[in-house]
Protein backbone atom coordinates (compact mmCIF):
# COMPACT_ATOMS: atom_id res chain seq x y z
CA UNK A 1 93.15 128.81 158.98
CA UNK A 2 89.55 129.59 159.42
CA UNK A 3 86.66 127.34 159.88
CA UNK A 4 83.43 126.33 157.55
CA UNK A 5 81.61 129.51 158.78
CA UNK A 6 84.79 131.85 157.18
CA UNK A 7 84.17 129.58 154.06
CA UNK A 8 80.38 129.76 153.86
CA UNK A 9 80.79 133.55 154.38
CA UNK A 10 83.10 133.93 151.40
CA UNK A 11 81.15 132.01 149.33
CA UNK A 12 77.93 134.01 150.46
CA UNK A 13 79.99 137.23 149.73
CA UNK A 14 81.14 135.84 145.96
CA UNK A 15 77.38 135.19 145.08
CA UNK A 16 76.09 138.27 146.10
CA UNK A 17 75.39 141.22 143.70
CA UNK A 18 77.71 143.43 145.83
CA UNK A 19 80.39 140.72 145.86
CA UNK A 20 80.18 140.03 142.09
CA UNK A 21 80.89 143.80 141.69
CA UNK A 22 83.57 144.57 143.67
CA UNK A 23 85.30 141.63 142.15
CA UNK A 24 84.27 142.79 138.88
CA UNK A 25 85.86 146.14 139.89
CA UNK A 26 89.06 144.15 140.65
CA UNK A 27 89.24 142.25 137.48
CA UNK A 28 88.98 145.33 135.41
CA UNK A 29 92.00 147.22 137.34
CA UNK A 30 93.78 144.06 136.31
CA UNK A 31 93.01 142.67 133.23
CA UNK A 32 95.39 143.64 130.64
CA UNK A 33 97.74 145.72 132.82
CA UNK A 34 101.46 145.25 132.76
CA UNK A 35 103.43 144.51 136.34
CA UNK A 36 106.03 147.40 136.19
CA UNK A 37 107.78 146.55 139.45
CA UNK A 38 107.30 144.51 142.50
CA UNK A 39 108.34 145.12 146.23
CA UNK A 40 108.66 143.27 149.48
CA UNK A 41 107.41 144.02 152.66
CA UNK A 42 108.08 142.13 156.18
CA UNK A 43 104.42 141.88 157.64
CA UNK A 44 105.16 139.41 160.61
CA UNK A 45 103.16 136.61 158.96
CA UNK A 46 105.19 136.38 156.04
CA UNK A 47 106.68 138.21 153.42
CA UNK A 48 104.07 140.36 151.26
CA UNK A 49 104.44 141.01 147.42
CA UNK A 50 103.44 144.56 146.22
CA UNK A 51 102.57 144.75 142.35
CA UNK A 52 103.11 148.08 141.07
CA UNK A 53 101.29 148.36 137.61
CA UNK A 54 101.50 150.25 134.68
CA UNK A 55 98.13 152.35 135.58
CA UNK A 56 99.56 153.71 138.60
CA UNK A 57 97.71 151.09 141.19
CA UNK A 58 99.37 148.57 143.34
CA UNK A 59 98.01 145.59 144.18
CA UNK A 60 98.70 143.16 147.55
CA UNK A 61 99.67 139.62 146.65
CA UNK A 62 99.79 137.07 149.91
CA UNK A 63 101.51 133.88 148.69
CA UNK A 64 101.21 130.79 150.70
CA UNK A 65 104.84 130.17 149.96
CA UNK A 66 106.09 133.10 151.65
CA UNK A 67 104.42 132.60 155.25
CA UNK A 68 106.56 132.56 157.88
CA UNK A 69 105.51 128.79 158.37
CA UNK A 70 106.64 127.75 155.07
CA UNK A 71 109.72 130.04 155.22
CA UNK A 72 110.91 128.32 158.37
CA UNK A 73 110.10 124.86 156.60
CA UNK A 74 111.69 125.56 153.39
CA UNK A 75 114.61 128.14 154.52
CA UNK A 76 115.76 126.91 158.14
CA UNK A 77 119.27 127.95 157.38
CA UNK A 78 118.27 131.54 156.12
CA UNK A 79 116.45 131.69 159.16
CA UNK A 80 118.91 130.74 161.15
CA UNK A 81 121.33 133.52 160.05
């Protein structure tokens, strides 16, 4: 994980006019949309979920439960296969 400098940079981005505009654009692309399909991809650090929306847009979701370290902890037998 990152450090306090990373956290501060993210906070400044979220408070900035440009950050608010960018996050607002993402929100408008997602609100009131339906997920038509979900696909999964092996991305070395873990499993990435790709949401396919009814608008034709796709969004990548990174879930901590799908990181390689969590998978190793939660599913050791599956990893051994």
